[in-house]
């Protein structure tokens, strides 16, 4: 269990924040706890490192994907993309 001081800060690039806002309320409510849990453990079970972009990670939830970078030095998780699996890798 992480102590409060060991949490990672969650940040969004502006385009990912817009993608998140444009999702339906139901999808946002489903994804929000998953994103918040990244602050406690940025590499939970099921996270995959993307091969094409080696510094990026992906977590999936149903048909949706969250693409992010982890900065262990600054203890930050930067969300770079959020979307449906049919659109996210384009």
PDB file of N, CA and C in Angstrom:
ATOM      1  N   UNK A   1       0.843  -1.177   0.000  1.00  0.00           N
ATOM      2  CA  UNK A   1       0.000   0.000   0.000  1.00  0.00           C
ATOM      3  C   UNK A   1       0.890   1.242   0.000  1.00  0.00           C
ATOM      4  N   UNK A   2       0.614   2.145  -0.895  1.00  0.00           N
ATOM      5  CA  UNK A   2       1.392   3.376  -0.973  1.00  0.00           C
ATOM      6  C   UNK A   2       1.001   4.346   0.126  1.00  0.00           C
ATOM      7  N   UNK A   3       1.991   5.056   0.637  1.00  0.00           N
ATOM      8  CA  UNK A   3       1.708   6.134   1.569  1.00  0.00           C
ATOM      9  C   UNK A   3       1.307   7.352   0.761  1.00  0.00           C
ATOM     10  N   UNK A   4       0.623   8.299   1.389  1.00  0.00           N
ATOM     11  CA  UNK A   4       0.124   9.487   0.701  1.00  0.00           C
ATOM     12  C   UNK A   4       1.232  10.211  -0.062  1.00  0.00           C
ATOM     13  N   UNK A   5       2.416  10.320   0.495  1.00  0.00           N
ATOM     14  CA  UNK A   5       3.515  11.027  -0.146  1.00  0.00           C
ATOM     15  C   UNK A   5       4.109  10.293  -1.339  1.00  0.00           C
ATOM     16  N   UNK A   6       3.755   9.020  -1.520  1.00  0.00           N
ATOM     17  CA  UNK A   6       4.304   8.236  -2.620  1.00  0.00           C
ATOM     18  C   UNK A   6       3.399   8.199  -3.837  1.00  0.00           C
ATOM     19  N   UNK A   7       2.293   8.920  -3.814  1.00  0.00           N
ATOM     20  CA  UNK A   7       1.371   8.898  -4.938  1.00  0.00           C
ATOM     21  C   UNK A   7       1.946   9.649  -6.131  1.00  0.00           C
ATOM     22  N   UNK A   8       1.525   9.213  -7.309  1.00  0.00           N
ATOM     23  CA  UNK A   8       1.885   9.885  -8.545  1.00  0.00           C
ATOM     24  C   UNK A   8       0.823  10.926  -8.853  1.00  0.00           C
ATOM     25  N   UNK A   9       1.236  12.018  -9.451  1.00  0.00           N
ATOM     26  CA  UNK A   9       0.301  13.057  -9.859  1.00  0.00           C
ATOM     27  C   UNK A   9      -0.214  12.711 -11.258  1.00  0.00           C
ATOM     28  N   UNK A  10      -1.519  12.796 -11.461  1.00  0.00           N
ATOM     29  CA  UNK A  10      -2.128  12.522 -12.759  1.00  0.00           C
ATOM     30  C   UNK A  10      -2.275  13.846 -13.498  1.00  0.00           C
ATOM     31  N   UNK A  11      -1.748  13.904 -14.717  1.00  0.00           N
ATOM     32  CA  UNK A  11      -1.883  15.086 -15.564  1.00  0.00           C
ATOM     33  C   UNK A  11      -2.365  14.652 -16.940  1.00  0.00           C
ATOM     34  N   UNK A  12      -3.077  15.531 -17.612  1.00  0.00           N
ATOM     35  CA  UNK A  12      -3.576  15.283 -18.956  1.00  0.00           C
ATOM     36  C   UNK A  12      -2.952  16.284 -19.916  1.00  0.00           C
ATOM     37  N   UNK A  13      -2.549  15.837 -21.115  1.00  0.00           N
ATOM     38  CA  UNK A  13      -2.246  16.799 -22.163  1.00  0.00           C
ATOM     39  C   UNK A  13      -3.591  17.373 -22.580  1.00  0.00           C
ATOM     40  N   UNK A  14      -3.607  18.572 -23.146  1.00  0.00           N
ATOM     41  CA  UNK A  14      -4.880  19.237 -23.434  1.00  0.00           C
ATOM     42  C   UNK A  14      -5.765  18.423 -24.377  1.00  0.00           C
ATOM     43  N   UNK A  15      -5.161  17.761 -25.359  1.00  0.00           N
ATOM     44  CA  UNK A  15      -5.961  16.971 -26.299  1.00  0.00           C
ATOM     45  C   UNK A  15      -6.604  15.762 -25.617  1.00  0.00           C
ATOM     46  N   UNK A  16      -5.915  15.145 -24.657  1.00  0.00           N
ATOM     47  CA  UNK A  16      -6.483  14.012 -23.922  1.00  0.00           C
ATOM     48  C   UNK A  16      -7.600  14.477 -22.998  1.00  0.00           C
ATOM     49  N   UNK A  17      -7.449  15.647 -22.404  1.00  0.00           N
ATOM     50  CA  UNK A  17      -8.513  16.199 -21.557  1.00  0.00           C
ATOM     51  C   UNK A  17      -9.760  16.446 -22.391  1.00  0.00           C
ATOM     52  N   UNK A  18      -9.582  16.940 -23.602  1.00  0.00           N
ATOM     53  CA  UNK A  18     -10.717  17.177 -24.503  1.00  0.00           C
ATOM     54  C   UNK A  18     -11.363  15.853 -24.909  1.00  0.00           C
ATOM     55  N   UNK A  19     -10.530  14.844 -25.216  1.00  0.00           N
ATOM     56  CA  UNK A  19     -11.066  13.525 -25.560  1.00  0.00           C
ATOM     57  C   UNK A  19     -11.902  12.969 -24.403  1.00  0.00           C
ATOM     58  N   UNK A  20     -11.411  13.139 -23.186  1.00  0.00           N
ATOM     59  CA  UNK A  20     -12.122  12.647 -22.008  1.00  0.00           C
ATOM     60  C   UNK A  20     -13.455  13.377 -21.835  1.00  0.00           C
ATOM     61  N   UNK A  21     -13.440  14.697 -21.976  1.00  0.00           N
ATOM     62  CA  UNK A  21     -14.671  15.483 -21.835  1.00  0.00           C
ATOM     63  C   UNK A  21     -15.710  15.113 -22.894  1.00  0.00           C
ATOM     64  N   UNK A  22     -15.267  14.706 -24.079  1.00  0.00           N
ATOM     65  CA  UNK A  22     -16.178  14.382 -25.167  1.00  0.00           C
ATOM     66  C   UNK A  22     -16.786  12.984 -25.067  1.00  0.00           C
ATOM     67  N   UNK A  23     -16.308  12.175 -24.135  1.00  0.00           N
ATOM     68  CA  UNK A  23     -16.886  10.847 -23.938  1.00  0.00           C
ATOM     69  C   UNK A  23     -18.241  10.979 -23.248  1.00  0.00           C
ATOM     70  N   UNK A  24     -19.081   9.969 -23.408  1.00  0.00           N
ATOM     71  CA  UNK A  24     -20.383   9.990 -22.729  1.00  0.00           C
ATOM     72  C   UNK A  24     -20.167   9.960 -21.213  1.00  0.00           C
ATOM     73  N   UNK A  25     -21.166  10.417 -20.494  1.00  0.00           N
ATOM     74  CA  UNK A  25     -21.073  10.448 -19.031  1.00  0.00           C
ATOM     75  C   UNK A  25     -20.820   9.052 -18.470  1.00  0.00           C
ATOM     76  N   UNK A  26     -21.500   8.065 -19.010  1.00  0.00           N
ATOM     77  CA  UNK A  26     -21.340   6.694 -18.516  1.00  0.00           C
ATOM     78  C   UNK A  26     -19.904   6.204 -18.701  1.00  0.00           C
ATOM     79  N   UNK A  27     -19.304   6.500 -19.841  1.00  0.00           N
ATOM     80  CA  UNK A  27     -17.922   6.067 -20.109  1.00  0.00           C
ATOM     81  C   UNK A  27     -16.966   6.822 -19.202  1.00  0.00           C
ATOM     82  N   UNK A  28     -17.172   8.123 -19.027  1.00  0.00           N
ATOM     83  CA  UNK A  28     -16.314   8.908 -18.129  1.00  0.00           C
ATOM     84  C   UNK A  28     -16.378   8.368 -16.701  1.00  0.00           C
ATOM     85  N   UNK A  29     -17.585   8.042 -16.241  1.00  0.00           N
ATOM     86  CA  UNK A  29     -17.735   7.515 -14.886  1.00  0.00           C
ATOM     87  C   UNK A  29     -17.074   6.150 -14.744  1.00  0.00           C
ATOM     88  N   UNK A  30     -17.017   5.398 -15.833  1.00  0.00           N
ATOM     89  CA  UNK A  30     -16.357   4.093 -15.814  1.00  0.00           C
ATOM     90  C   UNK A  30     -14.832   4.238 -15.794  1.00  0.00           C
ATOM     91  N   UNK A  31     -14.307   5.191 -16.574  1.00  0.00           N
ATOM     92  CA  UNK A  31     -12.857   5.355 -16.709  1.00  0.00           C
ATOM     93  C   UNK A  31     -12.220   6.155 -15.573  1.00  0.00           C
ATOM     94  N   UNK A  32     -12.968   7.038 -14.955  1.00  0.00           N
ATOM     95  CA  UNK A  32     -12.390   7.913 -13.924  1.00  0.00           C
ATOM     96  C   UNK A  32     -11.733   7.149 -12.776  1.00  0.00           C
ATOM     97  N   UNK A  33     -12.364   6.112 -12.198  1.00  0.00           N
ATOM     98  CA  UNK A  33     -11.677   5.379 -11.117  1.00  0.00           C
ATOM     99  C   UNK A  33     -10.410   4.672 -11.592  1.00  0.00           C
ATOM    100  N   UNK A  34     -10.404   4.225 -12.833  1.00  0.00           N
ATOM    101  CA  UNK A  34      -9.215   3.560 -13.384  1.00  0.00           C
ATOM    102  C   UNK A  34      -8.067   4.554 -13.477  1.00  0.00           C
ATOM    103  N   UNK A  35      -8.373   5.751 -13.961  1.00  0.00           N
ATOM    104  CA  UNK A  35      -7.353   6.801 -14.069  1.00  0.00           C
ATOM    105  C   UNK A  35      -6.856   7.187 -12.676  1.00  0.00           C
ATOM    106  N   UNK A  36      -7.770   7.346 -11.730  1.00  0.00           N
ATOM    107  CA  UNK A  36      -7.374   7.741 -10.370  1.00  0.00           C
ATOM    108  C   UNK A  36      -6.493   6.689  -9.705  1.00  0.00           C
ATOM    109  N   UNK A  37      -6.728   5.418  -9.982  1.00  0.00           N
ATOM    110  CA  UNK A  37      -5.915   4.350  -9.395  1.00  0.00           C
ATOM    111  C   UNK A  37      -4.479   4.366  -9.919  1.00  0.00           C
ATOM    112  N   UNK A  38      -4.262   4.975 -11.093  1.00  0.00           N
ATOM    113  CA  UNK A  38      -2.895   5.087 -11.617  1.00  0.00           C
ATOM    114  C   UNK A  38      -2.013   5.921 -10.692  1.00  0.00           C
ATOM    115  N   UNK A  39      -2.612   6.794  -9.886  1.00  0.00           N
ATOM    116  CA  UNK A  39      -1.818   7.599  -8.956  1.00  0.00           C
ATOM    117  C   UNK A  39      -1.215   6.735  -7.848  1.00  0.00           C
ATOM    118  N   UNK A  40      -1.878   5.634  -7.528  1.00  0.00           N
ATOM    119  CA  UNK A  40      -1.366   4.732  -6.499  1.00  0.00           C
ATOM    120  C   UNK A  40      -0.411   3.690  -7.068  1.00  0.00           C
ATOM    121  N   UNK A  41      -0.712   3.240  -8.289  1.00  0.00           N
ATOM    122  CA  UNK A  41       0.112   2.230  -8.948  1.00  0.00           C
ATOM    123  C   UNK A  41       0.052   2.465 -10.455  1.00  0.00           C
ATOM    124  N   UNK A  42       1.051   3.135 -11.029  1.00  0.00           N
ATOM    125  CA  UNK A  42       1.003   3.438 -12.454  1.00  0.00           C
ATOM    126  C   UNK A  42       1.255   2.223 -13.357  1.00  0.00           C
ATOM    127  N   UNK A  43       1.585   1.093 -12.762  1.00  0.00           N
ATOM    128  CA  UNK A  43       1.816  -0.123 -13.550  1.00  0.00           C
ATOM    129  C   UNK A  43       0.993  -1.293 -12.985  1.00  0.00           C
ATOM    130  N   UNK A  44      -0.344  -1.132 -12.954  1.00  0.00           N
ATOM    131  CA  UNK A  44      -1.163  -2.220 -12.416  1.00  0.00           C
ATOM    132  C   UNK A  44      -1.206  -3.406 -13.373  1.00  0.00           C
ATOM    133  N   UNK A  45      -1.754  -4.510 -12.900  1.00  0.00           N
ATOM    134  CA  UNK A  45      -1.925  -5.684 -13.745  1.00  0.00           C
ATOM    135  C   UNK A  45      -2.738  -5.280 -14.972  1.00  0.00           C
ATOM    136  N   UNK A  46      -2.289  -5.698 -16.138  1.00  0.00           N
ATOM    137  CA  UNK A  46      -3.003  -5.407 -17.371  1.00  0.00           C
ATOM    138  C   UNK A  46      -2.421  -4.252 -18.169  1.00  0.00           C
ATOM    139  N   UNK A  47      -1.519  -3.474 -17.570  1.00  0.00           N
ATOM    140  CA  UNK A  47      -0.885  -2.381 -18.306  1.00  0.00           C
ATOM    141  C   UNK A  47       0.133  -2.971 -19.265  1.00  0.00           C
ATOM    142  N   UNK A  48       0.125  -2.487 -20.495  1.00  0.00           N
ATOM    143  CA  UNK A  48       1.070  -2.956 -21.510  1.00  0.00           C
ATOM    144  C   UNK A  48       1.928  -1.800 -21.985  1.00  0.00           C
ATOM    145  N   UNK A  49       3.172  -2.092 -22.234  1.00  0.00           N
ATOM    146  CA  UNK A  49       4.069  -1.122 -22.845  1.00  0.00           C
ATOM    147  C   UNK A  49       3.837  -1.195 -24.350  1.00  0.00           C
ATOM    148  N   UNK A  50       3.639  -0.036 -24.991  1.00  0.00           N
ATOM    149  CA  UNK A  50       3.397  -0.033 -26.429  1.00  0.00           C
ATOM    150  C   UNK A  50       4.708  -0.215 -27.172  1.00  0.00           C
ATOM    151  N   UNK A  51       4.720  -1.112 -28.133  1.00  0.00           N
ATOM    152  CA  UNK A  51       5.951  -1.411 -28.862  1.00  0.00           C
ATOM    153  C   UNK A  51       6.376  -0.269 -29.767  1.00  0.00           C
ATOM    154  N   UNK A  52       5.426   0.308 -30.484  1.00  0.00           N
ATOM    155  CA  UNK A  52       5.767   1.357 -31.443  1.00  0.00           C
ATOM    156  C   UNK A  52       6.271   2.617 -30.741  1.00  0.00           C
ATOM    157  N   UNK A  53       5.755   2.877 -29.578  1.00  0.00           N
ATOM    158  CA  UNK A  53       6.147   4.054 -28.800  1.00  0.00           C
ATOM    159  C   UNK A  53       6.622   3.553 -27.447  1.00  0.00           C
ATOM    160  N   UNK A  54       7.874   3.214 -27.347  1.00  0.00           N
ATOM    161  CA  UNK A  54       8.390   2.470 -26.207  1.00  0.00           C
ATOM    162  C   UNK A  54       8.230   3.179 -24.870  1.00  0.00           C
ATOM    163  N   UNK A  55       8.070   4.498 -24.843  1.00  0.00           N
ATOM    164  CA  UNK A  55       7.932   5.183 -23.564  1.00  0.00           C
ATOM    165  C   UNK A  55       6.467   5.316 -23.138  1.00  0.00           C
ATOM    166  N   UNK A  56       5.556   4.810 -23.962  1.00  0.00           N
ATOM    167  CA  UNK A  56       4.130   4.910 -23.665  1.00  0.00           C
ATOM    168  C   UNK A  56       3.579   3.582 -23.158  1.00  0.00           C
ATOM    169  N   UNK A  57       2.561   3.688 -22.313  1.00  0.00           N
ATOM    170  CA  UNK A  57       1.873   2.526 -21.771  1.00  0.00           C
ATOM    171  C   UNK A  57       0.404   2.612 -22.128  1.00  0.00           C
ATOM    172  N   UNK A  58      -0.268   1.471 -22.077  1.00  0.00           N
ATOM    173  CA  UNK A  58      -1.680   1.399 -22.402  1.00  0.00           C
ATOM    174  C   UNK A  58      -2.404   0.565 -21.359  1.00  0.00           C
ATOM    175  N   UNK A  59      -3.541   1.070 -20.931  1.00  0.00           N
ATOM    176  CA  UNK A  59      -4.426   0.267 -20.097  1.00  0.00           C
ATOM    177  C   UNK A  59      -5.768   0.237 -20.803  1.00  0.00           C
ATOM    178  N   UNK A  60      -6.387  -0.910 -20.805  1.00  0.00           N
ATOM    179  CA  UNK A  60      -7.661  -1.028 -21.493  1.00  0.00           C
ATOM    180  C   UNK A  60      -8.776  -1.303 -20.502  1.00  0.00           C
ATOM    181  N   UNK A  61      -9.936  -0.831 -20.863  1.00  0.00           N
ATOM    182  CA  UNK A  61     -11.132  -1.081 -20.074  1.00  0.00           C
ATOM    183  C   UNK A  61     -12.281  -1.227 -21.062  1.00  0.00           C
ATOM    184  N   UNK A  62     -12.683  -2.441 -21.278  1.00  0.00           N
ATOM    185  CA  UNK A  62     -13.710  -2.694 -22.284  1.00  0.00           C
ATOM    186  C   UNK A  62     -13.185  -2.297 -23.646  1.00  0.00           C
ATOM    187  N   UNK A  63     -13.941  -1.485 -24.356  1.00  0.00           N
ATOM    188  CA  UNK A  63     -13.542  -1.049 -25.697  1.00  0.00           C
ATOM    189  C   UNK A  63     -12.713   0.229 -25.664  1.00  0.00           C
ATOM    190  N   UNK A  64     -12.399   0.737 -24.477  1.00  0.00           N
ATOM    191  CA  UNK A  64     -11.681   2.005 -24.364  1.00  0.00           C
ATOM    192  C   UNK A  64     -10.244   1.787 -23.925  1.00  0.00           C
ATOM    193  N   UNK A  65      -9.386   2.702 -24.373  1.00  0.00           N
ATOM    194  CA  UNK A  65      -7.965   2.640 -24.073  1.00  0.00           C
ATOM    195  C   UNK A  65      -7.500   3.964 -23.489  1.00  0.00           C
ATOM    196  N   UNK A  66      -6.582   3.883 -22.554  1.00  0.00           N
ATOM    197  CA  UNK A  66      -5.939   5.057 -21.972  1.00  0.00           C
ATOM    198  C   UNK A  66      -4.448   4.906 -22.246  1.00  0.00           C
ATOM    199  N   UNK A  67      -3.880   5.865 -22.964  1.00  0.00           N
ATOM    200  CA  UNK A  67      -2.455   5.859 -23.306  1.00  0.00           C
ATOM    201  C   UNK A  67      -1.775   6.896 -22.403  1.00  0.00           C
ATOM    202  N   UNK A  68      -0.652   6.508 -21.799  1.00  0.00           N
ATOM    203  CA  UNK A  68      -0.006   7.416 -20.860  1.00  0.00           C
ATOM    204  C   UNK A  68       1.496   7.161 -20.782  1.00  0.00           C
ATOM    205  N   UNK A  69       2.187   8.151 -20.225  1.00  0.00           N
ATOM    206  CA  UNK A  69       3.621   8.062 -19.952  1.00  0.00           C
ATOM    207  C   UNK A  69       3.804   8.118 -18.440  1.00  0.00           C
ATOM    208  N   UNK A  70       4.841   7.466 -17.962  1.00  0.00           N
ATOM    209  CA  UNK A  70       5.154   7.475 -16.532  1.00  0.00           C
ATOM    210  C   UNK A  70       6.509   8.145 -16.331  1.00  0.00           C
ATOM    211  N   UNK A  71       6.548   9.114 -15.443  1.00  0.00           N
ATOM    212  CA  UNK A  71       7.799   9.763 -15.065  1.00  0.00           C
ATOM    213  C   UNK A  71       8.039   9.424 -13.595  1.00  0.00           C
ATOM    214  N   UNK A  72       8.889   8.427 -13.361  1.00  0.00           N
ATOM    215  CA  UNK A  72       9.152   7.982 -11.985  1.00  0.00           C
ATOM    216  C   UNK A  72       9.945   9.007 -11.186  1.00  0.00           C
ATOM    217  N   UNK A  73      10.774   9.777 -11.845  1.00  0.00           N
ATOM    218  CA  UNK A  73      11.585  10.778 -11.142  1.00  0.00           C
ATOM    219  C   UNK A  73      10.700  11.850 -10.528  1.00  0.00           C
ATOM    220  N   UNK A  74       9.765  12.391 -11.329  1.00  0.00           N
ATOM    221  CA  UNK A  74       8.866  13.450 -10.847  1.00  0.00           C
ATOM    222  C   UNK A  74       7.564  12.902 -10.265  1.00  0.00           C
ATOM    223  N   UNK A  75       7.400  11.553 -10.321  1.00  0.00           N
ATOM    224  CA  UNK A  75       6.211  10.881  -9.818  1.00  0.00           C
ATOM    225  C   UNK A  75       4.948  11.436 -10.476  1.00  0.00           C
ATOM    226  N   UNK A  76       4.959  11.397 -11.824  1.00  0.00           N
ATOM    227  CA  UNK A  76       3.819  11.885 -12.611  1.00  0.00           C
ATOM    228  C   UNK A  76       3.389  10.837 -13.623  1.00  0.00           C
ATOM    229  N   UNK A  77       2.092  10.796 -13.871  1.00  0.00           N
ATOM    230  CA  UNK A  77       1.513  10.003 -14.945  1.00  0.00           C
ATOM    231  C   UNK A  77       0.867  11.007 -15.887  1.00  0.00           C
ATOM    232  N   UNK A  78       1.319  11.019 -17.142  1.00  0.00           N
ATOM    233  CA  UNK A  78       0.809  11.962 -18.129  1.00  0.00           C
ATOM    234  C   UNK A  78      -0.092  11.216 -19.100  1.00  0.00           C
ATOM    235  N   UNK A  79      -1.390  11.502 -19.050  1.00  0.00           N
ATOM    236  CA  UNK A  79      -2.367  10.889 -19.954  1.00  0.00           C
ATOM    237  C   UNK A  79      -2.264  11.609 -21.288  1.00  0.00           C
ATOM    238  N   UNK A  80      -1.978  10.847 -22.359  1.00  0.00           N
ATOM    239  CA  UNK A  80      -1.797  11.471 -23.670  1.00  0.00           C
ATOM    240  C   UNK A  80      -2.937  11.199 -24.643  1.00  0.00           C
ATOM    241  N   UNK A  81      -3.664  10.101 -24.459  1.00  0.00           N
ATOM    242  CA  UNK A  81      -4.805   9.777 -25.327  1.00  0.00           C
ATOM    243  C   UNK A  81      -5.818   8.980 -24.531  1.00  0.00           C
ATOM    244  N   UNK A  82      -7.099   9.197 -24.838  1.00  0.00           N
ATOM    245  CA  UNK A  82      -8.188   8.397 -24.281  1.00  0.00           C
ATOM    246  C   UNK A  82      -9.211   8.235 -25.386  1.00  0.00           C
ATOM    247  N   UNK A  83      -9.613   7.003 -25.637  1.00  0.00           N
ATOM    248  CA  UNK A  83     -10.634   6.821 -26.659  1.00  0.00           C
ATOM    249  C   UNK A  83     -10.991   5.377 -26.905  1.00  0.00           C
ATOM    250  N   UNK A  84     -11.899   5.201 -27.851  1.00  0.00           N
ATOM    251  CA  UNK A  84     -12.353   3.876 -28.257  1.00  0.00           C
ATOM    252  C   UNK A  84     -11.221   3.173 -28.993  1.00  0.00           C
ATOM    253  N   UNK A  85     -11.165   1.877 -28.854  1.00  0.00           N
ATOM    254  CA  UNK A  85     -10.067   1.102 -29.454  1.00  0.00           C
ATOM    255  C   UNK A  85      -9.997   1.253 -30.963  1.00  0.00           C
ATOM    256  N   UNK A  86     -11.111   1.520 -31.640  1.00  0.00           N
ATOM    257  CA  UNK A  86     -11.092   1.672 -33.100  1.00  0.00           C
ATOM    258  C   UNK A  86     -10.419   2.972 -33.538  1.00  0.00           C
ATOM    259  N   UNK A  87     -10.346   3.941 -32.634  1.00  0.00           N
ATOM    260  CA  UNK A  87      -9.791   5.252 -32.981  1.00  0.00           C
ATOM    261  C   UNK A  87      -8.449   5.563 -32.329  1.00  0.00           C
ATOM    262  N   UNK A  88      -8.129   4.911 -31.265  1.00  0.00           N
ATOM    263  CA  UNK A  88      -7.028   5.350 -30.396  1.00  0.00           C
ATOM    264  C   UNK A  88      -5.643   5.218 -31.035  1.00  0.00           C
ATOM    265  N   UNK A  89      -5.435   4.256 -31.903  1.00  0.00           N
ATOM    266  CA  UNK A  89      -4.087   4.035 -32.448  1.00  0.00           C
ATOM    267  C   UNK A  89      -3.861   4.713 -33.792  1.00  0.00           C
ATOM    268  N   UNK A  90      -4.809   5.516 -34.229  1.00  0.00           N
ATOM    269  CA  UNK A  90      -4.672   6.197 -35.532  1.00  0.00           C
ATOM    270  C   UNK A  90      -3.787   7.406 -35.424  1.00  0.00           C
TER     271      UNK A  90
END
